Structures are given as C-alpha cells and as structure tokens.
Amino acid sequence: MGTIPALADLKPGIRPSEYNVLIAPEETEEVTKGGIILAPTIKEGNDIATMKGRLVAVSPHAFTYAEWPAGDQPKVGDAVLFAKYAGTLVEGADGREYRLAKDKDVCGVLEV
C-alpha cells in the first residue's frame, strides 16, 4: 500500500493535449510490512501496476463527451482510479514519473 502524492508537491511541467490527462501514480513502498526490502525490479513492476493516483493536469477537451454529466467530471487535484497499465510513463520536470493517459482511462474518483 502506498501514498497518493499531494498536488502541492507536484510540478510536472507537462500540459496534456487532446483528450489526455496527467496522473501522478501512488507511490509504492520499498519495504514490506514485514520489513523485507523489495528488489528494484519488483518495486518497478509495482509502480507500473498501480491503479491509484492524483489528477495533476487535464486537457481542455478531456471529460467533455456525453458520458460525463456536466459538473461531475474529475478535476485537477482529485484522487482517482485508473486502468491498470494505462497510458505512457513520462518523467516530469520535477524528476517524478507521471502517467499521460486518455481521459477514458480514469475509472473513478476516490472520495478521500
């Protein structure tokens, strides 16, 4: 179990285009609850497979199709669930890894 980064801590320097969104994935643990240190390849696999994150940036066209009722669209700052292995991993200006994904890959908003 990891933690979803706070929006204030994120400075990606990336603005999505078309129907894309930028998500900061949940940060995964490097040590298990039992104290076992995870090998870099295991941690990397866990990082790619994470399905929770913070919506960091949204293109003007994202979430504008009929399936999203007006006013109910996910917005920047929301904690979201997204499709496993969705989008492309990109490195932001702040050195963090982000997912650049289609708006339809966002499956829901977490009410935290």
PDB file of N, CA and C in Angstrom:
ATOM      1  N   MET A   1       0.843  -1.172   0.000  1.00  0.00           N
ATOM      2  CA  MET A   1       0.000   0.000   0.000  1.00  0.00           C
ATOM      3  C   MET A   1       0.885   1.230   0.000  1.00  0.00           C
ATOM      4  N   GLY A   2       0.612   2.175  -0.847  1.00  0.00           N
ATOM      5  CA  GLY A   2       1.416   3.370  -0.939  1.00  0.00           C
ATOM      6  C   GLY A   2       0.631   4.609  -0.564  1.00  0.00           C
ATOM      7  N   THR A   3       1.192   5.747  -0.937  1.00  0.00           N
ATOM      8  CA  THR A   3       0.523   7.014  -0.654  1.00  0.00           C
ATOM      9  C   THR A   3       0.337   7.788  -1.951  1.00  0.00           C
ATOM     10  N   ILE A   4      -0.793   8.474  -2.036  1.00  0.00           N
ATOM     11  CA  ILE A   4      -1.065   9.313  -3.199  1.00  0.00           C
ATOM     12  C   ILE A   4      -0.426  10.670  -2.934  1.00  0.00           C
ATOM     13  N   PRO A   5       0.451  11.141  -3.815  1.00  0.00           N
ATOM     14  CA  PRO A   5       1.145  12.407  -3.562  1.00  0.00           C
ATOM     15  C   PRO A   5       0.178  13.594  -3.520  1.00  0.00           C
ATOM     16  N   ALA A   6       0.529  14.593  -2.717  1.00  0.00           N
ATOM     17  CA  ALA A   6      -0.274  15.818  -2.625  1.00  0.00           C
ATOM     18  C   ALA A   6      -0.027  16.674  -3.861  1.00  0.00           C
ATOM     19  N   LEU A   7      -1.060  17.365  -4.308  1.00  0.00           N
ATOM     20  CA  LEU A   7      -0.958  18.204  -5.503  1.00  0.00           C
ATOM     21  C   LEU A   7       0.105  19.279  -5.341  1.00  0.00           C
ATOM     22  N   ALA A   8       0.232  19.833  -4.148  1.00  0.00           N
ATOM     23  CA  ALA A   8       1.206  20.906  -3.905  1.00  0.00           C
ATOM     24  C   ALA A   8       2.652  20.434  -4.101  1.00  0.00           C
ATOM     25  N   ASP A   9       2.894  19.131  -3.982  1.00  0.00           N
ATOM     26  CA  ASP A   9       4.247  18.576  -4.129  1.00  0.00           C
ATOM     27  C   ASP A   9       4.614  18.261  -5.570  1.00  0.00           C
ATOM     28  N   LEU A  10       3.690  18.460  -6.498  1.00  0.00           N
ATOM     29  CA  LEU A  10       3.890  18.033  -7.885  1.00  0.00           C
ATOM     30  C   LEU A  10       4.090  19.222  -8.816  1.00  0.00           C
ATOM     31  N   LYS A  11       5.181  19.206  -9.562  1.00  0.00           N
ATOM     32  CA  LYS A  11       5.499  20.248 -10.542  1.00  0.00           C
ATOM     33  C   LYS A  11       5.977  19.581 -11.827  1.00  0.00           C
ATOM     34  N   PRO A  12       5.056  18.964 -12.598  1.00  0.00           N
ATOM     35  CA  PRO A  12       5.473  18.157 -13.742  1.00  0.00           C
ATOM     36  C   PRO A  12       5.996  18.952 -14.937  1.00  0.00           C
ATOM     37  N   GLY A  13       5.494  20.158 -15.158  1.00  0.00           N
ATOM     38  CA  GLY A  13       5.907  20.917 -16.343  1.00  0.00           C
ATOM     39  C   GLY A  13       5.390  20.297 -17.632  1.00  0.00           C
ATOM     40  N   ILE A  14       4.289  19.563 -17.558  1.00  0.00           N
ATOM     41  CA  ILE A  14       3.695  18.897 -18.731  1.00  0.00           C
ATOM     42  C   ILE A  14       2.228  19.310 -18.817  1.00  0.00           C
ATOM     43  N   ARG A  15       1.797  19.729 -20.004  1.00  0.00           N
ATOM     44  CA  ARG A  15       0.396  20.083 -20.237  1.00  0.00           C
ATOM     45  C   ARG A  15      -0.174  19.110 -21.258  1.00  0.00           C
ATOM     46  N   PRO A  16      -1.152  18.293 -20.866  1.00  0.00           N
ATOM     47  CA  PRO A  16      -1.720  17.305 -21.794  1.00  0.00           C
ATOM     48  C   PRO A  16      -2.495  17.971 -22.931  1.00  0.00           C
ATOM     49  N   SER A  17      -2.536  17.309 -24.076  1.00  0.00           N
ATOM     50  CA  SER A  17      -3.304  17.800 -25.227  1.00  0.00           C
ATOM     51  C   SER A  17      -4.389  16.790 -25.574  1.00  0.00           C
ATOM     52  N   GLU A  18      -5.223  17.136 -26.538  1.00  0.00           N
ATOM     53  CA  GLU A  18      -6.351  16.314 -26.992  1.00  0.00           C
ATOM     54  C   GLU A  18      -7.205  15.874 -25.814  1.00  0.00           C
ATOM     55  N   TYR A  19      -7.441  14.576 -25.656  1.00  0.00           N
ATOM     56  CA  TYR A  19      -8.287  14.039 -24.582  1.00  0.00           C
ATOM     57  C   TYR A  19      -7.444  13.363 -23.506  1.00  0.00           C
ATOM     58  N   ASN A  20      -6.269  13.890 -23.260  1.00  0.00           N
ATOM     59  CA  ASN A  20      -5.340  13.277 -22.315  1.00  0.00           C
ATOM     60  C   ASN A  20      -5.379  13.954 -20.953  1.00  0.00           C
ATOM     61  N   VAL A  21      -4.957  13.187 -19.950  1.00  0.00           N
ATOM     62  CA  VAL A  21      -4.819  13.691 -18.589  1.00  0.00           C
ATOM     63  C   VAL A  21      -3.454  13.259 -18.063  1.00  0.00           C
ATOM     64  N   LEU A  22      -2.963  13.967 -17.062  1.00  0.00           N
ATOM     65  CA  LEU A  22      -1.689  13.628 -16.441  1.00  0.00           C
ATOM     66  C   LEU A  22      -1.974  13.202 -15.008  1.00  0.00           C
ATOM     67  N   ILE A  23      -1.481  12.016 -14.652  1.00  0.00           N
ATOM     68  CA  ILE A  23      -1.739  11.440 -13.333  1.00  0.00           C
ATOM     69  C   ILE A  23      -0.413  11.163 -12.636  1.00  0.00           C
ATOM     70  N   ALA A  24      -0.334  11.550 -11.354  1.00  0.00           N
ATOM     71  CA  ALA A  24       0.813  11.183 -10.520  1.00  0.00           C
ATOM     72  C   ALA A  24       0.426   9.898  -9.798  1.00  0.00           C
ATOM     73  N   PRO A  25       1.018   8.761 -10.177  1.00  0.00           N
ATOM     74  CA  PRO A  25       0.639   7.485  -9.564  1.00  0.00           C
ATOM     75  C   PRO A  25       0.981   7.434  -8.081  1.00  0.00           C
ATOM     76  N   GLU A  26       0.255   6.600  -7.391  1.00  0.00           N
ATOM     77  CA  GLU A  26       0.502   6.325  -5.977  1.00  0.00           C
ATOM     78  C   GLU A  26       1.952   5.880  -5.821  1.00  0.00           C
ATOM     79  N   GLU A  27       2.610   6.373  -4.777  1.00  0.00           N
ATOM     80  CA  GLU A  27       3.997   5.984  -4.524  1.00  0.00           C
ATOM     81  C   GLU A  27       3.995   4.670  -3.755  1.00  0.00           C
ATOM     82  N   THR A  28       4.676   3.658  -4.298  1.00  0.00           N
ATOM     83  CA  THR A  28       4.685   2.339  -3.665  1.00  0.00           C
ATOM     84  C   THR A  28       5.813   2.238  -2.649  1.00  0.00           C
ATOM     85  N   GLU A  29       5.620   1.326  -1.731  1.00  0.00           N
ATOM     86  CA  GLU A  29       6.588   1.120  -0.653  1.00  0.00           C
ATOM     87  C   GLU A  29       7.828   0.385  -1.170  1.00  0.00           C
ATOM     88  N   GLU A  30       8.968   0.680  -0.562  1.00  0.00           N
ATOM     89  CA  GLU A  30      10.202  -0.021  -0.899  1.00  0.00           C
ATOM     90  C   GLU A  30      10.470  -1.159   0.082  1.00  0.00           C
ATOM     91  N   VAL A  31       9.748  -1.152   1.207  1.00  0.00           N
ATOM     92  CA  VAL A  31       9.910  -2.171   2.242  1.00  0.00           C
ATOM     93  C   VAL A  31       8.519  -2.706   2.570  1.00  0.00           C
ATOM     94  N   THR A  32       8.375  -4.023   2.671  1.00  0.00           N
ATOM     95  CA  THR A  32       7.083  -4.610   3.019  1.00  0.00           C
ATOM     96  C   THR A  32       6.779  -4.376   4.495  1.00  0.00           C
ATOM     97  N   LYS A  33       5.539  -4.652   4.891  1.00  0.00           N
ATOM     98  CA  LYS A  33       5.152  -4.511   6.302  1.00  0.00           C
ATOM     99  C   LYS A  33       6.002  -5.399   7.205  1.00  0.00           C
ATOM    100  N   GLY A  34       6.463  -6.511   6.677  1.00  0.00           N
ATOM    101  CA  GLY A  34       7.304  -7.428   7.447  1.00  0.00           C
ATOM    102  C   GLY A  34       8.774  -7.017   7.493  1.00  0.00           C
ATOM    103  N   GLY A  35       9.123  -5.920   6.820  1.00  0.00           N
ATOM    104  CA  GLY A  35      10.494  -5.421   6.852  1.00  0.00           C
ATOM    105  C   GLY A  35      11.378  -5.916   5.724  1.00  0.00           C
ATOM    106  N   ILE A  36      10.811  -6.617   4.753  1.00  0.00           N
ATOM    107  CA  ILE A  36      11.605  -7.121   3.630  1.00  0.00           C
ATOM    108  C   ILE A  36      11.794  -5.994   2.617  1.00  0.00           C
ATOM    109  N   ILE A  37      13.035  -5.757   2.243  1.00  0.00           N
ATOM    110  CA  ILE A  37      13.347  -4.720   1.264  1.00  0.00           C
ATOM    111  C   ILE A  37      13.097  -5.293  -0.131  1.00  0.00           C
ATOM    112  N   LEU A  38      12.281  -4.585  -0.928  1.00  0.00           N
ATOM    113  CA  LEU A  38      11.940  -5.063  -2.266  1.00  0.00           C
ATOM    114  C   LEU A  38      13.069  -4.784  -3.244  1.00  0.00           C
ATOM    115  N   ALA A  39      13.328  -5.744  -4.107  1.00  0.00           N
ATOM    116  CA  ALA A  39      14.330  -5.573  -5.158  1.00  0.00           C
ATOM    117  C   ALA A  39      13.842  -4.493  -6.120  1.00  0.00           C
ATOM    118  N   PRO A  40      14.747  -3.751  -6.754  1.00  0.00           N
ATOM    119  CA  PRO A  40      14.341  -2.685  -7.679  1.00  0.00           C
ATOM    120  C   PRO A  40      13.397  -3.155  -8.778  1.00  0.00           C
ATOM    121  N   THR A  41      13.581  -4.384  -9.292  1.00  0.00           N
ATOM    122  CA  THR A  41      12.705  -4.863 -10.365  1.00  0.00           C
ATOM    123  C   THR A  41      11.288  -5.116  -9.858  1.00  0.00           C
ATOM    124  N   ILE A  42      11.144  -5.585  -8.629  1.00  0.00           N
ATOM    125  CA  ILE A  42       9.817  -5.814  -8.032  1.00  0.00           C
ATOM    126  C   ILE A  42       9.139  -4.471  -7.797  1.00  0.00           C
ATOM    127  N   LYS A  43       9.865  -3.506  -7.235  1.00  0.00           N
ATOM    128  CA  LYS A  43       9.296  -2.181  -6.972  1.00  0.00           C
ATOM    129  C   LYS A  43       8.885  -1.524  -8.279  1.00  0.00           C
ATOM    130  N   GLU A  44       9.706  -1.664  -9.315  1.00  0.00           N
ATOM    131  CA  GLU A  44       9.376  -1.074 -10.620  1.00  0.00           C
ATOM    132  C   GLU A  44       8.094  -1.684 -11.179  1.00  0.00           C
ATOM    133  N   GLY A  45       7.935  -2.982 -11.057  1.00  0.00           N
ATOM    134  CA  GLY A  45       6.709  -3.643 -11.512  1.00  0.00           C
ATOM    135  C   GLY A  45       5.500  -3.163 -10.737  1.00  0.00           C
ATOM    136  N   ASN A  46       5.656  -2.984  -9.427  1.00  0.00           N
ATOM    137  CA  ASN A  46       4.565  -2.465  -8.599  1.00  0.00           C
ATOM    138  C   ASN A  46       4.219  -1.032  -8.989  1.00  0.00           C
ATOM    139  N   ASP A  47       5.228  -0.219  -9.305  1.00  0.00           N
ATOM    140  CA  ASP A  47       4.998   1.166  -9.722  1.00  0.00           C
ATOM    141  C   ASP A  47       4.170   1.216 -11.000  1.00  0.00           C
ATOM    142  N   ILE A  48       4.488   0.359 -11.957  1.00  0.00           N
ATOM    143  CA  ILE A  48       3.773   0.355 -13.236  1.00  0.00           C
ATOM    144  C   ILE A  48       2.338  -0.115 -13.050  1.00  0.00           C
ATOM    145  N   ALA A  49       2.112  -1.071 -12.156  1.00  0.00           N
ATOM    146  CA  ALA A  49       0.792  -1.664 -11.991  1.00  0.00           C
ATOM    147  C   ALA A  49      -0.139  -0.871 -11.079  1.00  0.00           C
ATOM    148  N   THR A  50       0.345   0.181 -10.427  1.00  0.00           N
ATOM    149  CA  THR A  50      -0.509   0.935  -9.516  1.00  0.00           C
ATOM    150  C   THR A  50      -1.731   1.487 -10.239  1.00  0.00           C
ATOM    151  N   MET A  51      -2.836   1.561  -9.540  1.00  0.00           N
ATOM    152  CA  MET A  51      -4.080   1.998 -10.167  1.00  0.00           C
ATOM    153  C   MET A  51      -4.728   3.175  -9.449  1.00  0.00           C
ATOM    154  N   LYS A  52      -4.000   3.811  -8.534  1.00  0.00           N
ATOM    155  CA  LYS A  52      -4.492   4.997  -7.843  1.00  0.00           C
ATOM    156  C   LYS A  52      -3.503   6.121  -8.087  1.00  0.00           C
ATOM    157  N   GLY A  53      -4.010   7.342  -8.109  1.00  0.00           N
ATOM    158  CA  GLY A  53      -3.110   8.462  -8.292  1.00  0.00           C
ATOM    159  C   GLY A  53      -3.824   9.786  -8.139  1.00  0.00           C
ATOM    160  N   ARG A  54      -3.070  10.871  -8.343  1.00  0.00           N
ATOM    161  CA  ARG A  54      -3.586  12.230  -8.242  1.00  0.00           C
ATOM    162  C   ARG A  54      -3.680  12.809  -9.645  1.00  0.00           C
ATOM    163  N   LEU A  55      -4.824  13.350  -9.995  1.00  0.00           N
ATOM    164  CA  LEU A  55      -5.012  14.009 -11.289  1.00  0.00           C
ATOM    165  C   LEU A  55      -4.304  15.353 -11.226  1.00  0.00           C
ATOM    166  N   VAL A  56      -3.244  15.502 -12.027  1.00  0.00           N
ATOM    167  CA  VAL A  56      -2.370  16.666 -11.949  1.00  0.00           C
ATOM    168  C   VAL A  56      -2.710  17.707 -13.005  1.00  0.00           C
ATOM    169  N   ALA A  57      -3.040  17.269 -14.203  1.00  0.00           N
ATOM    170  CA  ALA A  57      -3.370  18.189 -15.292  1.00  0.00           C
ATOM    171  C   ALA A  57      -4.378  17.529 -16.220  1.00  0.00           C
ATOM    172  N   VAL A  58      -5.246  18.353 -16.797  1.00  0.00           N
ATOM    173  CA  VAL A  58      -6.316  17.861 -17.668  1.00  0.00           C
ATOM    174  C   VAL A  58      -6.359  18.761 -18.895  1.00  0.00           C
ATOM    175  N   SER A  59      -6.419  18.173 -20.097  1.00  0.00           N
ATOM    176  CA  SER A  59      -6.537  18.990 -21.304  1.00  0.00           C
ATOM    177  C   SER A  59      -7.935  19.607 -21.357  1.00  0.00           C
ATOM    178  N   PRO A  60      -8.092  20.707 -22.100  1.00  0.00           N
ATOM    179  CA  PRO A  60      -9.410  21.346 -22.191  1.00  0.00           C
ATOM    180  C   PRO A  60     -10.488  20.448 -22.796  1.00  0.00           C
ATOM    181  N   HIS A  61     -10.097  19.452 -23.568  1.00  0.00           N
ATOM    182  CA  HIS A  61     -11.068  18.566 -24.212  1.00  0.00           C
ATOM    183  C   HIS A  61     -11.424  17.341 -23.368  1.00  0.00           C
ATOM    184  N   ALA A  62     -10.635  17.047 -22.340  1.00  0.00           N
ATOM    185  CA  ALA A  62     -10.867  15.847 -21.531  1.00  0.00           C
ATOM    186  C   ALA A  62     -12.195  15.936 -20.786  1.00  0.00           C
ATOM    187  N   PHE A  63     -12.867  14.817 -20.691  1.00  0.00           N
ATOM    188  CA  PHE A  63     -14.124  14.667 -19.960  1.00  0.00           C
ATOM    189  C   PHE A  63     -15.257  15.533 -20.523  1.00  0.00           C
ATOM    190  N   THR A  64     -15.221  15.827 -21.821  1.00  0.00           N
ATOM    191  CA  THR A  64     -16.269  16.671 -22.410  1.00  0.00           C
ATOM    192  C   THR A  64     -17.305  15.870 -23.191  1.00  0.00           C
ATOM    193  N   TYR A  65     -17.160  14.561 -23.264  1.00  0.00           N
ATOM    194  CA  TYR A  65     -18.114  13.746 -24.010  1.00  0.00           C
ATOM    195  C   TYR A  65     -19.333  13.450 -23.138  1.00  0.00           C
ATOM    196  N   ALA A  66     -20.377  12.945 -23.732  1.00  0.00           N
ATOM    197  CA  ALA A  66     -21.693  12.798 -23.096  1.00  0.00           C
ATOM    198  C   ALA A  66     -21.709  11.883 -21.871  1.00  0.00           C
ATOM    199  N   GLU A  67     -20.790  10.937 -21.751  1.00  0.00           N
ATOM    200  CA  GLU A  67     -20.823  10.004 -20.632  1.00  0.00           C
ATOM    201  C   GLU A  67     -20.570  10.688 -19.285  1.00  0.00           C
ATOM    202  N   TRP A  68     -19.931  11.853 -19.301  1.00  0.00           N
ATOM    203  CA  TRP A  68     -19.662  12.582 -18.058  1.00  0.00           C
ATOM    204  C   TRP A  68     -20.700  13.688 -17.906  1.00  0.00           C
ATOM    205  N   PRO A  69     -21.594  13.580 -16.922  1.00  0.00           N
ATOM    206  CA  PRO A  69     -22.558  14.657 -16.700  1.00  0.00           C
ATOM    207  C   PRO A  69     -21.832  15.957 -16.343  1.00  0.00           C
ATOM    208  N   ALA A  70     -22.339  17.075 -16.820  1.00  0.00           N
ATOM    209  CA  ALA A  70     -21.714  18.374 -16.560  1.00  0.00           C
ATOM    210  C   ALA A  70     -21.573  18.596 -15.056  1.00  0.00           C
ATOM    211  N   GLY A  71     -20.415  19.060 -14.639  1.00  0.00           N
ATOM    212  CA  GLY A  71     -20.148  19.332 -13.235  1.00  0.00           C
ATOM    213  C   GLY A  71     -19.700  18.119 -12.441  1.00  0.00           C
ATOM    214  N   ASP A  72     -19.779  16.929 -13.026  1.00  0.00           N
ATOM    215  CA  ASP A  72     -19.401  15.707 -12.323  1.00  0.00           C
ATOM    216  C   ASP A  72     -18.065  15.157 -12.825  1.00  0.00           C
ATOM    217  N   GLN A  73     -17.397  15.897 -13.706  1.00  0.00           N
ATOM    218  CA  GLN A  73     -16.139  15.425 -14.275  1.00  0.00           C
ATOM    219  C   GLN A  73     -15.029  15.458 -13.215  1.00  0.00           C
ATOM    220  N   PRO A  74     -14.092  14.519 -13.319  1.00  0.00           N
ATOM    221  CA  PRO A  74     -12.914  14.593 -12.455  1.00  0.00           C
ATOM    222  C   PRO A  74     -12.173  15.901 -12.726  1.00  0.00           C
ATOM    223  N   LYS A  75     -11.573  16.460 -11.697  1.00  0.00           N
ATOM    224  CA  LYS A  75     -10.849  17.727 -11.858  1.00  0.00           C
ATOM    225  C   LYS A  75      -9.456  17.627 -11.248  1.00  0.00           C
ATOM    226  N   VAL A  76      -8.608  18.556 -11.607  1.00  0.00           N
ATOM    227  CA  VAL A  76      -7.242  18.578 -11.094  1.00  0.00           C
ATOM    228  C   VAL A  76      -7.285  18.570  -9.567  1.00  0.00           C
ATOM    229  N   GLY A  77      -6.469  17.709  -8.993  1.00  0.00           N
ATOM    230  CA  GLY A  77      -6.393  17.577  -7.549  1.00  0.00           C
ATOM    231  C   GLY A  77      -7.139  16.368  -7.012  1.00  0.00           C
ATOM    232  N   ASP A  78      -8.052  15.798  -7.804  1.00  0.00           N
ATOM    233  CA  ASP A  78      -8.805  14.625  -7.361  1.00  0.00           C
ATOM    234  C   ASP A  78      -7.906  13.397  -7.275  1.00  0.00           C
ATOM    235  N   ALA A  79      -8.176  12.561  -6.269  1.00  0.00           N
ATOM    236  CA  ALA A  79      -7.548  11.238  -6.195  1.00  0.00           C
ATOM    237  C   ALA A  79      -8.413  10.330  -7.070  1.00  0.00           C
ATOM    238  N   VAL A  80      -7.782   9.635  -8.012  1.00  0.00           N
ATOM    239  CA  VAL A  80      -8.538   8.863  -8.995  1.00  0.00           C
ATOM    240  C   VAL A  80      -8.062   7.417  -9.079  1.00  0.00           C
ATOM    241  N   LEU A  81      -8.941   6.587  -9.613  1.00  0.00           N
ATOM    242  CA  LEU A  81      -8.601   5.220 -10.003  1.00  0.00           C
ATOM    243  C   LEU A  81      -8.458   5.234 -11.515  1.00  0.00           C
ATOM    244  N   PHE A  82      -7.466   4.527 -12.035  1.00  0.00           N
ATOM    245  CA  PHE A  82      -7.289   4.482 -13.482  1.00  0.00           C
ATOM    246  C   PHE A  82      -6.969   3.073 -13.920  1.00  0.00           C
ATOM    247  N   ALA A  83      -7.119   2.829 -15.211  1.00  0.00           N
ATOM    248  CA  ALA A  83      -6.929   1.495 -15.772  1.00  0.00           C
ATOM    249  C   ALA A  83      -5.482   1.028 -15.572  1.00  0.00           C
ATOM    250  N   LYS A  84      -5.350  -0.232 -15.189  1.00  0.00           N
ATOM    251  CA  LYS A  84      -4.029  -0.822 -14.980  1.00  0.00           C
ATOM    252  C   LYS A  84      -3.222  -0.754 -16.273  1.00  0.00           C
ATOM    253  N   TYR A  85      -1.998  -0.322 -16.192  1.00  0.00           N
ATOM    254  CA  TYR A  85      -1.083  -0.184 -17.319  1.00  0.00           C
ATOM    255  C   TYR A  85      -1.545   0.856 -18.348  1.00  0.00           C
ATOM    256  N   ALA A  86      -2.426   1.772 -17.952  1.00  0.00           N
ATOM    257  CA  ALA A  86      -2.932   2.794 -18.875  1.00  0.00           C
ATOM    258  C   ALA A  86      -1.860   3.828 -19.190  1.00  0.00           C
ATOM    259  N   GLY A  87      -1.925   4.351 -20.392  1.00  0.00           N
ATOM    260  CA  GLY A  87      -1.100   5.484 -20.773  1.00  0.00           C
ATOM    261  C   GLY A  87       0.377   5.184 -20.898  1.00  0.00           C
ATOM    262  N   THR A  88       1.125   6.266 -20.890  1.00  0.00           N
ATOM    263  CA  THR A  88       2.569   6.224 -21.073  1.00  0.00           C
ATOM    264  C   THR A  88       3.245   6.822 -19.854  1.00  0.00           C
ATOM    265  N   LEU A  89       4.298   6.169 -19.370  1.00  0.00           N
ATOM    266  CA  LEU A  89       5.062   6.737 -18.264  1.00  0.00           C
ATOM    267  C   LEU A  89       5.971   7.825 -18.818  1.00  0.00           C
ATOM    268  N   VAL A  90       5.915   9.007 -18.203  1.00  0.00           N
ATOM    269  CA  VAL A  90       6.752  10.136 -18.621  1.00  0.00           C
ATOM    270  C   VAL A  90       7.401  10.740 -17.388  1.00  0.00           C
ATOM    271  N   GLU A  91       8.564  11.333 -17.576  1.00  0.00           N
ATOM    272  CA  GLU A  91       9.246  11.993 -16.467  1.00  0.00           C
ATOM    273  C   GLU A  91       8.939  13.481 -16.514  1.00  0.00           C
ATOM    274  N   GLY A  92       8.524  14.022 -15.379  1.00  0.00           N
ATOM    275  CA  GLY A  92       8.209  15.442 -15.279  1.00  0.00           C
ATOM    276  C   GLY A  92       9.453  16.266 -15.012  1.00  0.00           C
ATOM    277  N   ALA A  93       9.298  17.576 -15.055  1.00  0.00           N
ATOM    278  CA  ALA A  93      10.409  18.492 -14.789  1.00  0.00           C
ATOM    279  C   ALA A  93      10.934  18.334 -13.361  1.00  0.00           C
ATOM    280  N   ASP A  94      10.082  17.832 -12.464  1.00  0.00           N
ATOM    281  CA  ASP A  94      10.480  17.632 -11.075  1.00  0.00           C
ATOM    282  C   ASP A  94      11.162  16.286 -10.828  1.00  0.00           C
ATOM    283  N   GLY A  95      11.354  15.490 -11.890  1.00  0.00           N
ATOM    284  CA  GLY A  95      12.029  14.204 -11.770  1.00  0.00           C
ATOM    285  C   GLY A  95      11.116  13.048 -11.407  1.00  0.00           C
ATOM    286  N   ARG A  96       9.853  13.300 -11.142  1.00  0.00           N
ATOM    287  CA  ARG A  96       8.891  12.241 -10.816  1.00  0.00           C
ATOM    288  C   ARG A  96       8.368  11.583 -12.083  1.00  0.00           C
ATOM    289  N   GLU A  97       7.879  10.354 -11.935  1.00  0.00           N
ATOM    290  CA  GLU A  97       7.233   9.681 -13.056  1.00  0.00           C
ATOM    291  C   GLU A  97       5.738   9.947 -13.001  1.00  0.00           C
ATOM    292  N   TYR A  98       5.176  10.257 -14.160  1.00  0.00           N
ATOM    293  CA  TYR A  98       3.750  10.517 -14.307  1.00  0.00           C
ATOM    294  C   TYR A  98       3.200   9.592 -15.378  1.00  0.00           C
ATOM    295  N   ARG A  99       1.871   9.459 -15.395  1.00  0.00           N
ATOM    296  CA  ARG A  99       1.210   8.726 -16.476  1.00  0.00           C
ATOM    297  C   ARG A  99       0.441   9.717 -17.319  1.00  0.00           C
ATOM    298  N   LEU A 100       0.723   9.725 -18.592  1.00  0.00           N
ATOM    299  CA  LEU A 100      -0.018  10.509 -19.564  1.00  0.00           C
ATOM    300  C   LEU A 100      -0.994   9.535 -20.197  1.00  0.00           C
ATOM    301  N   ALA A 101      -2.295   9.692 -19.881  1.00  0.00           N
ATOM    302  CA  ALA A 101      -3.300   8.701 -20.281  1.00  0.00           C
ATOM    303  C   ALA A 101      -4.511   9.388 -20.896  1.00  0.00           C
ATOM    304  N   LYS A 102      -5.345   8.605 -21.547  1.00  0.00           N
ATOM    305  CA  LYS A 102      -6.602   9.100 -22.105  1.00  0.00           C
ATOM    306  C   LYS A 102      -7.589   9.345 -20.966  1.00  0.00           C
ATOM    307  N   ASP A 103      -8.472  10.313 -21.135  1.00  0.00           N
ATOM    308  CA  ASP A 103      -9.460  10.606 -20.098  1.00  0.00           C
ATOM    309  C   ASP A 103     -10.349   9.403 -19.801  1.00  0.00           C
ATOM    310  N   LYS A 104     -10.593   8.564 -20.793  1.00  0.00           N
ATOM    311  CA  LYS A 104     -11.436   7.385 -20.582  1.00  0.00           C
ATOM    312  C   LYS A 104     -10.746   6.319 -19.728  1.00  0.00           C
ATOM    313  N   ASP A 105      -9.433   6.458 -19.501  1.00  0.00           N
ATOM    314  CA  ASP A 105      -8.728   5.517 -18.622  1.00  0.00           C
ATOM    315  C   ASP A 105      -8.985   5.819 -17.145  1.00  0.00           C
ATOM    316  N   VAL A 106      -9.543   7.002 -16.851  1.00  0.00           N
ATOM    317  CA  VAL A 106      -9.902   7.332 -15.474  1.00  0.00           C
ATOM    318  C   VAL A 106     -11.220   6.619 -15.182  1.00  0.00           C
ATOM    319  N   CYS A 107     -11.174   5.691 -14.220  1.00  0.00           N
ATOM    320  CA  CYS A 107     -12.332   4.832 -13.928  1.00  0.00           C
ATOM    321  C   CYS A 107     -13.226   5.397 -12.842  1.00  0.00           C
ATOM    322  N   GLY A 108     -12.688   6.251 -11.989  1.00  0.00           N
ATOM    323  CA  GLY A 108     -13.491   6.796 -10.900  1.00  0.00           C
ATOM    324  C   GLY A 108     -12.702   7.762 -10.059  1.00  0.00           C
ATOM    325  N   VAL A 109     -13.426   8.498  -9.224  1.00  0.00           N
ATOM    326  CA  VAL A 109     -12.814   9.453  -8.292  1.00  0.00           C
ATOM    327  C   VAL A 109     -12.931   8.882  -6.891  1.00  0.00           C
ATOM    328  N   LEU A 110     -11.816   8.885  -6.167  1.00  0.00           N
ATOM    329  CA  LEU A 110     -11.817   8.402  -4.781  1.00  0.00           C
ATOM    330  C   LEU A 110     -12.346   9.508  -3.871  1.00  0.00           C
ATOM    331  N   GLU A 111     -13.269   9.172  -3.024  1.00  0.00           N
ATOM    332  CA  GLU A 111     -13.787  10.150  -2.065  1.00  0.00           C
ATOM    333  C   GLU A 111     -13.005   9.967  -0.785  1.00  0.00           C
ATOM    334  N   VAL A 112     -11.918  10.718  -0.669  1.00  0.00           N
ATOM    335  CA  VAL A 112     -10.988  10.580   0.462  1.00  0.00           C
ATOM    336  C   VAL A 112     -11.260  11.648   1.494  1.00  0.00           C
TER     337      VAL A 112
END
